[in-house]
């Protein structure tokens, strides 16, 4: 004796589409946010010096310091004095000791400013300090 209706169709296991759509939207929001932060560091207009030999890469997260042609120091869109930069880098080095520092110095800025920033980064116990350049035409 069977209690199931003979006209009822049996279906296979179904995947929960709602959960997959939620995960898809979360990933989309995550990648949109990350790309916005990566572009955020490039908003300060800096004319990088050209180089024919250089390498790309480094860690995916970096502290990017921009130096304008008037020797103004920016991290993101916030301007820093050398003392403020020292305090900030010291705090960041305590939290993220293996973080890379990229100095984006304008070709019209003084070399002294970039060297001072390198000195501040090394004094803050950040060891991976790089200078950004542009590919030669």
C-alpha atoms as a PDB file:
ATOM      1  CA  UNK A   1       0.000   0.000   0.000  1.00  0.00           C
ATOM      2  CA  UNK A   2       1.482   3.324  -1.073  1.00  0.00           C
ATOM      3  CA  UNK A   3       0.500   6.672   0.430  1.00  0.00           C
ATOM      4  CA  UNK A   4       2.021   8.809  -2.301  1.00  0.00           C
ATOM      5  CA  UNK A   5      -0.015  10.051  -5.201  1.00  0.00           C
ATOM      6  CA  UNK A   6       0.895   8.464  -8.475  1.00  0.00           C
ATOM      7  CA  UNK A   7       0.475  11.727 -10.395  1.00  0.00           C
ATOM      8  CA  UNK A   8       2.987  13.652  -8.338  1.00  0.00           C
ATOM      9  CA  UNK A   9       6.328  14.242 -10.095  1.00  0.00           C
ATOM     10  CA  UNK A  10       9.513  13.772  -8.198  1.00  0.00           C
ATOM     11  CA  UNK A  11      12.125  16.512  -8.479  1.00  0.00           C
ATOM     12  CA  UNK A  12      15.822  16.346  -7.811  1.00  0.00           C
ATOM     13  CA  UNK A  13      17.661  18.304  -5.169  1.00  0.00           C
ATOM     14  CA  UNK A  14      17.510  22.043  -5.810  1.00  0.00           C
ATOM     15  CA  UNK A  15      20.263  24.501  -5.060  1.00  0.00           C
ATOM     16  CA  UNK A  16      19.246  27.417  -2.851  1.00  0.00           C
ATOM     17  CA  UNK A  17      19.476  30.264  -5.373  1.00  0.00           C
ATOM     18  CA  UNK A  18      18.728  32.975  -2.831  1.00  0.00           C
ATOM     19  CA  UNK A  19      21.926  32.268  -0.909  1.00  0.00           C
ATOM     20  CA  UNK A  20      23.964  32.227  -4.114  1.00  0.00           C
ATOM     21  CA  UNK A  21      22.535  35.569  -5.236  1.00  0.00           C
ATOM     22  CA  UNK A  22      23.334  37.048  -1.814  1.00  0.00           C
ATOM     23  CA  UNK A  23      26.933  35.856  -2.065  1.00  0.00           C
ATOM     24  CA  UNK A  24      27.198  37.225  -5.598  1.00  0.00           C
ATOM     25  CA  UNK A  25      26.044  40.676  -4.469  1.00  0.00           C
ATOM     26  CA  UNK A  26      28.405  40.644  -1.499  1.00  0.00           C
ATOM     27  CA  UNK A  27      31.342  39.824  -3.778  1.00  0.00           C
ATOM     28  CA  UNK A  28      30.288  42.539  -6.215  1.00  0.00           C
ATOM     29  CA  UNK A  29      30.136  45.136  -3.430  1.00  0.00           C
ATOM     30  CA  UNK A  30      33.486  43.966  -2.051  1.00  0.00           C
ATOM     31  CA  UNK A  31      35.296  44.315  -5.379  1.00  0.00           C
ATOM     32  CA  UNK A  32      33.680  47.674  -6.141  1.00  0.00           C
ATOM     33  CA  UNK A  33      34.819  48.991  -2.757  1.00  0.00           C
ATOM     34  CA  UNK A  34      38.365  47.703  -3.195  1.00  0.00           C
ATOM     35  CA  UNK A  35      38.679  49.222  -6.662  1.00  0.00           C
ATOM     36  CA  UNK A  36      37.463  52.571  -5.321  1.00  0.00           C
ATOM     37  CA  UNK A  37      40.170  52.538  -2.643  1.00  0.00           C
ATOM     38  CA  UNK A  38      42.892  51.653  -5.140  1.00  0.00           C
ATOM     39  CA  UNK A  39      41.900  54.617  -7.334  1.00  0.00           C
ATOM     40  CA  UNK A  40      41.681  56.848  -4.258  1.00  0.00           C
ATOM     41  CA  UNK A  41      45.476  56.883  -3.903  1.00  0.00           C
ATOM     42  CA  UNK A  42      45.943  57.970  -7.503  1.00  0.00           C
ATOM     43  CA  UNK A  43      43.814  61.142  -7.245  1.00  0.00           C
ATOM     44  CA  UNK A  44      46.738  63.397  -6.359  1.00  0.00           C
ATOM     45  CA  UNK A  45      48.136  64.559  -9.692  1.00  0.00           C
ATOM     46  CA  UNK A  46      51.798  63.530  -9.746  1.00  0.00           C
ATOM     47  CA  UNK A  47      54.023  63.407 -12.813  1.00  0.00           C
ATOM     48  CA  UNK A  48      56.242  60.401 -12.158  1.00  0.00           C
ATOM     49  CA  UNK A  49      59.812  60.350 -13.494  1.00  0.00           C
ATOM     50  CA  UNK A  50      60.314  57.897 -16.370  1.00  0.00           C
ATOM     51  CA  UNK A  51      62.504  54.811 -16.215  1.00  0.00           C
ATOM     52  CA  UNK A  52      63.366  52.179 -18.770  1.00  0.00           C
ATOM     53  CA  UNK A  53      64.123  49.405 -16.310  1.00  0.00           C
ATOM     54  CA  UNK A  54      61.741  48.875 -13.486  1.00  0.00           C
ATOM     55  CA  UNK A  55      59.668  46.217 -11.917  1.00  0.00           C
ATOM     56  CA  UNK A  56      56.052  46.014 -11.025  1.00  0.00           C
ATOM     57  CA  UNK A  57      54.364  44.096  -8.320  1.00  0.00           C
ATOM     58  CA  UNK A  58      54.804  44.294  -4.605  1.00  0.00           C
ATOM     59  CA  UNK A  59      52.174  43.510  -2.051  1.00  0.00           C
ATOM     60  CA  UNK A  60      48.510  44.025  -2.879  1.00  0.00           C
ATOM     61  CA  UNK A  61      48.154  46.471   0.013  1.00  0.00           C
ATOM     62  CA  UNK A  62      50.539  49.371   0.182  1.00  0.00           C
ATOM     63  CA  UNK A  63      50.905  52.689   1.921  1.00  0.00           C
ATOM     64  CA  UNK A  64      51.061  55.149  -0.966  1.00  0.00           C
ATOM     65  CA  UNK A  65      52.612  58.538  -0.200  1.00  0.00           C
ATOM     66  CA  UNK A  66      52.356  61.228  -2.882  1.00  0.00           C
ATOM     67  CA  UNK A  67      54.701  64.223  -3.128  1.00  0.00           C
ATOM     68  CA  UNK A  68      53.464  67.066  -5.331  1.00  0.00           C
ATOM     69  CA  UNK A  69      55.568  69.467  -7.359  1.00  0.00           C
ATOM     70  CA  UNK A  70      55.302  71.947  -4.444  1.00  0.00           C
ATOM     71  CA  UNK A  71      56.710  69.298  -2.035  1.00  0.00           C
ATOM     72  CA  UNK A  72      53.371  68.732  -0.313  1.00  0.00           C
ATOM     73  CA  UNK A  73      53.009  65.270   1.254  1.00  0.00           C
ATOM     74  CA  UNK A  74      49.737  63.354   0.856  1.00  0.00           C
ATOM     75  CA  UNK A  75      48.531  59.961   2.011  1.00  0.00           C
ATOM     76  CA  UNK A  76      45.297  59.431   0.128  1.00  0.00           C
ATOM     77  CA  UNK A  77      43.766  62.898  -0.109  1.00  0.00           C
ATOM     78  CA  UNK A  78      44.944  64.069   3.316  1.00  0.00           C
ATOM     79  CA  UNK A  79      47.946  66.370   3.509  1.00  0.00           C
ATOM     80  CA  UNK A  80      50.597  65.657   6.149  1.00  0.00           C
ATOM     81  CA  UNK A  81      53.524  67.471   7.650  1.00  0.00           C
ATOM     82  CA  UNK A  82      56.682  65.385   8.177  1.00  0.00           C
ATOM     83  CA  UNK A  83      55.926  65.102  11.929  1.00  0.00           C
ATOM     84  CA  UNK A  84      52.345  63.971  11.295  1.00  0.00           C
ATOM     85  CA  UNK A  85      53.599  61.478   8.713  1.00  0.00           C
ATOM     86  CA  UNK A  86      56.114  60.084  11.237  1.00  0.00           C
ATOM     87  CA  UNK A  87      53.359  59.539  13.811  1.00  0.00           C
ATOM     88  CA  UNK A  88      51.049  57.929  11.267  1.00  0.00           C
ATOM     89  CA  UNK A  89      53.707  55.604   9.859  1.00  0.00           C
ATOM     90  CA  UNK A  90      54.793  54.585  13.364  1.00  0.00           C
ATOM     91  CA  UNK A  91      51.199  53.599  14.187  1.00  0.00           C
ATOM     92  CA  UNK A  92      50.819  51.731  10.900  1.00  0.00           C
ATOM     93  CA  UNK A  93      54.148  49.926  11.398  1.00  0.00           C
ATOM     94  CA  UNK A  94      53.000  48.721  14.818  1.00  0.00           C
ATOM     95  CA  UNK A  95      49.813  47.273  13.296  1.00  0.00           C
ATOM     96  CA  UNK A  96      51.209  46.103   9.928  1.00  0.00           C
ATOM     97  CA  UNK A  97      54.993  45.579  10.217  1.00  0.00           C
ATOM     98  CA  UNK A  98      55.408  43.996   6.756  1.00  0.00           C
ATOM     99  CA  UNK A  99      53.484  46.684   4.866  1.00  0.00           C
ATOM    100  CA  UNK A 100      55.085  48.222   1.769  1.00  0.00           C
ATOM    101  CA  UNK A 101      55.509  51.972   1.337  1.00  0.00           C
ATOM    102  CA  UNK A 102      55.395  53.470  -2.168  1.00  0.00           C
ATOM    103  CA  UNK A 103      56.562  57.054  -2.618  1.00  0.00           C
ATOM    104  CA  UNK A 104      55.013  58.735  -5.665  1.00  0.00           C
ATOM    105  CA  UNK A 105      57.232  61.789  -6.040  1.00  0.00           C
ATOM    106  CA  UNK A 106      56.553  64.318  -8.772  1.00  0.00           C
ATOM    107  CA  UNK A 107      59.506  64.834 -11.107  1.00  0.00           C
ATOM    108  CA  UNK A 108      59.447  68.556 -10.252  1.00  0.00           C
ATOM    109  CA  UNK A 109      59.607  67.926  -6.493  1.00  0.00           C
ATOM    110  CA  UNK A 110      62.847  68.116  -4.589  1.00  0.00           C
ATOM    111  CA  UNK A 111      64.705  64.880  -4.022  1.00  0.00           C
ATOM    112  CA  UNK A 112      65.232  65.986  -0.437  1.00  0.00           C
ATOM    113  CA  UNK A 113      61.515  65.556   0.321  1.00  0.00           C
ATOM    114  CA  UNK A 114      61.416  61.971  -0.984  1.00  0.00           C
ATOM    115  CA  UNK A 115      64.598  61.078   0.903  1.00  0.00           C
ATOM    116  CA  UNK A 116      63.120  62.571   4.091  1.00  0.00           C
ATOM    117  CA  UNK A 117      60.005  60.407   3.617  1.00  0.00           C
ATOM    118  CA  UNK A 118      62.176  57.322   3.092  1.00  0.00           C
ATOM    119  CA  UNK A 119      64.046  58.170   6.282  1.00  0.00           C
ATOM    120  CA  UNK A 120      60.768  58.567   8.181  1.00  0.00           C
ATOM    121  CA  UNK A 121      59.526  55.209   6.868  1.00  0.00           C
ATOM    122  CA  UNK A 122      62.740  53.403   7.836  1.00  0.00           C
ATOM    123  CA  UNK A 123      62.740  55.081  11.268  1.00  0.00           C
ATOM    124  CA  UNK A 124      59.164  53.834  11.737  1.00  0.00           C
ATOM    125  CA  UNK A 125      60.392  50.236  11.209  1.00  0.00           C
ATOM    126  CA  UNK A 126      58.875  49.884   7.736  1.00  0.00           C
ATOM    127  CA  UNK A 127      61.443  48.049   5.623  1.00  0.00           C
ATOM    128  CA  UNK A 128      59.787  47.748   2.189  1.00  0.00           C
ATOM    129  CA  UNK A 129      60.097  51.266   0.794  1.00  0.00           C
ATOM    130  CA  UNK A 130      59.831  51.862  -2.952  1.00  0.00           C
ATOM    131  CA  UNK A 131      59.827  54.860  -5.288  1.00  0.00           C
ATOM    132  CA  UNK A 132      57.202  54.811  -8.029  1.00  0.00           C
ATOM    133  CA  UNK A 133      58.221  55.587 -11.597  1.00  0.00           C
ATOM    134  CA  UNK A 134      56.487  55.646 -14.956  1.00  0.00           C
ATOM    135  CA  UNK A 135      57.438  53.535 -17.954  1.00  0.00           C
ATOM    136  CA  UNK A 136      59.653  55.403 -20.403  1.00  0.00           C
ATOM    137  CA  UNK A 137      57.936  56.282 -23.687  1.00  0.00           C
END
